Amino acid sequence: MLMQQQARALGDPTRHGIFRHIADADAPVTVAELTDAFGLNHNAIRQHLAKLVEVGLIGESIAKAEGRGRPRLLYVVDPGAESRWGVDGPYQRLALLLLEMIATGDDAVEVGRRAGERIEVDTSDESESPVVRLMNAIARGGFEPVSVEKGDNLEIVLGACPFADAASADAATICALHLGMTQGVAEQLDGVSILGLSPHEPHGAGCELSVQVDAATASP
C-alpha cells in the first residue's frame, strides 16, 4: 500500500522533480531553494512537500533559529525511502565500504575517512560556519545530528544510526567507519576536527562525536 501511495505521489512531474532535487542535494534543502529551482510560489512548493512527507518519501525538520522570524524548515530523503525510486540506500553504501576494506586490507577508520573525503560539502552559503557545514553533511547521511556546546569544543549527538542493524552485529567496525567518515568530512573544513566517537546502543542512537572547534570558528 505504501509503495502505491509513493508511486502516485511521484506521478506528478513537479513533485517527482522536487523529490529528485532533495535526493541529489548535498545538504538539507529549504523551501526557498525549491522556489528558486522550480519557479513556483512558496505555497505550491509546501503543498508538494507536504504530500512527499505524508507518504514517507522525505523527512522534515526545523533548523536552529537564527535571529528573528520563523526558523527554516529543512527537507531530506526519508531513510525508509532509500534503495527505492533511484535513491541509493545506506546498506548499499555500507556494502561498498566493506568490500573496499576486504580489497585493500585497510582498517575501517581509513576506509571511512576516504569515503568522507568524497562527500561534497555545501559551501554555497558563505554565512554558514564550518560546524554547520559539518552538521549538514552528517545529516545527509541519515544521522540526525544535534550539537551540544562544551567550551571551545562541542559534542555532536547522533539521533539516528542508518546502519543500526549492522552495528548491532559488529559495532566496532560500523562505528569505526562512522568515525572515519566524519573525520574525512571535517578535513575538508577549516577550524573543526573530530577527536573521537563515543558509541551507544545502535537502535537507541545517541552516539556522541567529540569535535574540536578553533576559537575563530563560529558555533552552529
Protein backbone atom coordinates (compact mmCIF):
# COMPACT_ATOMS: atom_id res chain seq x y z
CA MET A 1 0.00 0.00 0.00
CA LEU A 2 2.75 2.46 0.94
CA MET A 3 4.64 1.78 -2.29
CA GLN A 4 1.47 2.52 -4.26
CA GLN A 5 0.97 5.78 -2.37
CA GLN A 6 4.56 6.79 -3.06
CA ALA A 7 4.21 5.90 -6.73
CA ARG A 8 1.09 8.06 -7.01
CA ALA A 9 2.83 10.95 -5.25
CA LEU A 10 5.76 10.73 -7.66
CA GLY A 11 3.41 10.51 -10.63
CA ASP A 12 3.18 14.29 -10.60
CA PRO A 13 6.17 15.54 -12.67
CA THR A 14 6.81 18.59 -10.48
CA ARG A 15 6.62 16.56 -7.29
CA HIS A 16 8.96 13.97 -8.78
CA GLY A 17 11.37 16.77 -9.69
CA ILE A 18 11.27 18.13 -6.14
CA PHE A 19 11.96 14.66 -4.74
CA ARG A 20 14.93 14.17 -7.08
CA HIS A 21 16.27 17.64 -6.20
CA ILE A 22 16.20 16.74 -2.50
CA ALA A 23 17.70 13.30 -3.14
CA ASP A 24 20.58 14.74 -5.18
CA ALA A 25 21.35 17.63 -2.82
CA ASP A 26 24.47 17.60 -0.65
CA ALA A 27 22.69 19.23 2.31
CA PRO A 28 19.16 19.58 3.66
CA VAL A 29 17.00 21.60 1.27
CA THR A 30 14.87 24.64 2.16
CA VAL A 31 11.58 25.87 0.74
CA ALA A 32 13.31 29.00 -0.57
CA GLU A 33 15.81 26.88 -2.50
CA LEU A 34 13.00 24.91 -4.10
CA THR A 35 11.01 28.01 -5.08
CA ASP A 36 14.10 29.30 -6.90
CA ALA A 37 14.78 25.97 -8.57
CA PHE A 38 11.21 25.35 -9.79
CA GLY A 39 9.86 28.87 -10.25
CA LEU A 40 6.83 28.22 -8.04
CA ASN A 41 5.50 30.19 -5.10
CA HIS A 42 6.06 29.06 -1.52
CA ASN A 43 2.53 27.73 -1.04
CA ALA A 44 2.74 25.49 -4.10
CA ILE A 45 6.12 24.11 -3.01
CA ARG A 46 4.84 23.49 0.53
CA GLN A 47 1.84 21.55 -0.82
CA HIS A 48 4.13 19.25 -2.81
CA LEU A 49 6.44 18.83 0.18
CA ALA A 50 3.53 18.02 2.48
CA LYS A 51 2.47 15.21 0.16
CA LEU A 52 6.01 13.80 -0.04
CA VAL A 53 6.27 13.89 3.77
CA GLU A 54 2.85 12.26 4.13
CA VAL A 55 3.82 9.18 2.10
CA GLY A 56 7.23 8.81 3.73
CA LEU A 57 9.43 9.92 0.84
CA ILE A 58 11.08 12.87 2.59
CA GLY A 59 11.58 13.99 6.17
CA GLU A 60 11.01 17.46 7.59
CA SER A 61 12.96 19.11 10.42
CA ILE A 62 13.32 22.60 11.86
CA ALA A 63 16.64 24.43 11.52
CA LYS A 64 18.17 26.14 14.51
CA ALA A 65 16.68 29.63 14.86
CA GLU A 66 18.86 32.46 13.57
CA GLY A 67 17.74 35.90 14.70
CA ARG A 68 14.12 36.94 14.45
CA GLY A 69 11.45 35.31 12.35
CA ARG A 70 10.29 31.75 11.95
CA PRO A 71 13.05 29.11 11.75
CA ARG A 72 13.55 27.44 8.37
CA LEU A 73 12.19 24.02 7.55
CA LEU A 74 14.72 21.54 6.18
CA TYR A 75 14.00 18.55 3.94
CA VAL A 76 15.96 15.37 3.28
CA VAL A 77 15.08 11.99 1.79
CA ASP A 78 13.41 9.78 4.38
CA PRO A 79 15.76 6.88 5.26
CA GLY A 80 12.86 4.48 4.62
CA ALA A 81 12.69 5.64 1.00
CA GLU A 82 16.34 4.93 0.31
CA SER A 83 17.14 2.00 -2.00
CA ARG A 84 13.88 2.86 -3.80
CA TRP A 85 12.93 5.27 -6.56
CA GLY A 86 16.52 5.59 -7.76
CA VAL A 87 17.94 6.64 -4.38
CA ASP A 88 20.97 4.75 -3.06
CA GLY A 89 20.26 3.27 0.36
CA PRO A 90 22.56 3.17 3.40
CA TYR A 91 23.19 -0.57 3.16
CA GLN A 92 24.23 -0.27 -0.47
CA ARG A 93 26.80 2.29 0.62
CA LEU A 94 27.86 0.13 3.57
CA ALA A 95 28.36 -2.90 1.32
CA LEU A 96 30.72 -0.92 -0.90
CA LEU A 97 32.74 0.25 2.12
CA LEU A 98 33.05 -3.29 3.47
CA LEU A 99 34.15 -4.53 0.05
CA GLU A 100 36.77 -1.77 -0.03
CA MET A 101 38.08 -2.96 3.34
CA ILE A 102 38.41 -6.51 2.00
CA ALA A 103 40.01 -5.43 -1.28
CA THR A 104 42.55 -3.01 0.23
CA GLY A 105 43.18 -4.53 3.65
CA ASP A 106 42.80 -1.05 5.18
CA ASP A 107 41.08 -0.65 8.53
CA ALA A 108 37.57 0.72 8.93
CA VAL A 109 38.66 4.21 10.04
CA GLU A 110 40.85 4.70 6.97
CA VAL A 111 38.19 3.42 4.55
CA GLY A 112 35.62 5.62 6.27
CA ARG A 113 37.94 8.64 6.05
CA ARG A 114 38.30 8.19 2.29
CA ALA A 115 34.52 7.93 1.98
CA GLY A 116 34.14 11.15 3.98
CA GLU A 117 36.61 12.92 1.71
CA ARG A 118 34.38 12.01 -1.25
CA ILE A 119 31.32 13.64 0.32
CA GLU A 120 30.75 17.07 -1.18
CA VAL A 121 30.39 19.77 1.46
CA ASP A 122 27.97 22.54 0.55
CA THR A 123 29.78 25.89 0.74
CA SER A 124 27.26 27.93 -1.26
CA ASP A 125 26.08 29.85 1.82
CA GLU A 126 29.09 31.92 2.90
CA SER A 127 27.38 32.83 6.19
CA GLU A 128 27.42 29.21 7.38
CA SER A 129 30.15 28.23 9.81
CA PRO A 130 32.31 25.13 9.26
CA VAL A 131 30.42 23.46 12.11
CA VAL A 132 27.09 23.99 10.35
CA ARG A 133 28.55 22.60 7.13
CA LEU A 134 29.80 19.57 9.05
CA MET A 135 26.39 19.07 10.65
CA ASN A 136 24.65 19.33 7.27
CA ALA A 137 26.93 16.70 5.76
CA ILE A 138 26.31 14.37 8.70
CA ALA A 139 22.56 14.95 8.42
CA ARG A 140 22.64 13.93 4.75
CA GLY A 141 23.95 10.56 5.90
CA GLY A 142 20.80 9.99 7.98
CA PHE A 143 22.34 10.52 11.42
CA GLU A 144 20.06 13.37 12.66
CA PRO A 145 22.84 15.31 14.47
CA VAL A 146 22.29 17.75 17.33
CA SER A 147 25.14 19.89 18.69
CA VAL A 148 25.91 20.45 22.37
CA GLU A 149 28.50 23.16 23.14
CA LYS A 150 31.25 22.40 25.67
CA GLY A 151 33.55 25.40 25.94
CA ASP A 152 35.81 25.64 22.92
CA ASN A 153 34.71 22.17 21.86
CA LEU A 154 31.34 20.61 21.24
CA GLU A 155 29.67 17.24 21.03
CA ILE A 156 27.50 16.20 18.13
CA VAL A 157 24.88 13.73 19.31
CA LEU A 158 23.68 11.42 16.55
CA GLY A 159 19.94 10.98 16.86
CA ALA A 160 19.77 8.02 14.47
CA CYS A 161 22.03 5.34 13.04
CA PRO A 162 21.36 4.39 9.39
CA PHE A 163 23.34 1.16 9.94
CA ALA A 164 21.72 0.19 13.26
CA ASP A 165 21.12 -3.47 12.36
CA ALA A 166 24.69 -3.93 11.15
CA ALA A 167 26.06 -2.09 14.19
CA SER A 168 24.16 -4.48 16.46
CA ALA A 169 26.14 -7.32 14.90
CA ASP A 170 29.56 -5.59 14.70
CA ALA A 171 29.61 -2.24 16.47
CA ALA A 172 33.40 -1.92 16.35
CA THR A 173 33.55 -1.96 12.56
CA ILE A 174 30.48 0.19 11.90
CA CYS A 175 31.40 2.82 14.49
CA ALA A 176 34.96 2.96 13.14
CA LEU A 177 33.56 3.58 9.64
CA HIS A 178 31.34 6.36 11.07
CA LEU A 179 34.31 7.93 12.84
CA GLY A 180 36.44 7.86 9.71
CA MET A 181 33.67 9.30 7.56
CA THR A 182 33.17 12.29 9.85
CA GLN A 183 36.93 12.84 10.01
CA GLY A 184 37.06 12.81 6.22
CA VAL A 185 34.33 15.44 6.03
CA ALA A 186 35.95 17.58 8.74
CA GLU A 187 39.28 17.53 6.88
CA GLN A 188 37.59 19.49 4.10
CA LEU A 189 36.68 22.29 6.53
CA ASP A 190 38.68 24.94 8.37
CA GLY A 191 38.54 25.15 12.13
CA VAL A 192 36.98 21.80 13.07
CA SER A 193 38.39 18.34 13.69
CA ILE A 194 36.90 15.11 15.02
CA LEU A 195 38.57 13.86 18.20
CA GLY A 196 36.60 10.66 18.76
CA LEU A 197 33.28 8.83 18.85
CA SER A 198 31.54 7.50 21.95
CA PRO A 199 29.14 4.76 20.81
CA HIS A 200 25.75 3.91 22.30
CA GLU A 201 23.31 1.09 21.69
CA PRO A 202 22.68 1.29 17.91
CA HIS A 203 18.88 1.19 17.89
CA GLY A 204 18.74 3.66 20.77
CA ALA A 205 21.11 6.02 18.95
CA GLY A 206 22.71 8.90 20.87
CA CYS A 207 26.32 8.23 19.85
CA GLU A 208 28.50 11.27 20.57
CA LEU A 209 31.12 12.80 18.31
CA SER A 210 33.71 14.90 20.11
CA VAL A 211 34.59 17.89 17.92
CA GLN A 212 37.43 20.34 18.45
CA VAL A 213 36.50 23.84 17.33
CA ASP A 214 39.03 26.61 16.76
CA ALA A 215 38.28 29.83 18.62
CA ALA A 216 37.77 31.70 15.35
CA THR A 217 35.16 29.20 14.16
CA ALA A 218 31.55 30.26 14.78
CA SER A 219 29.37 27.79 16.66
CA PRO A 220 26.22 26.40 14.94
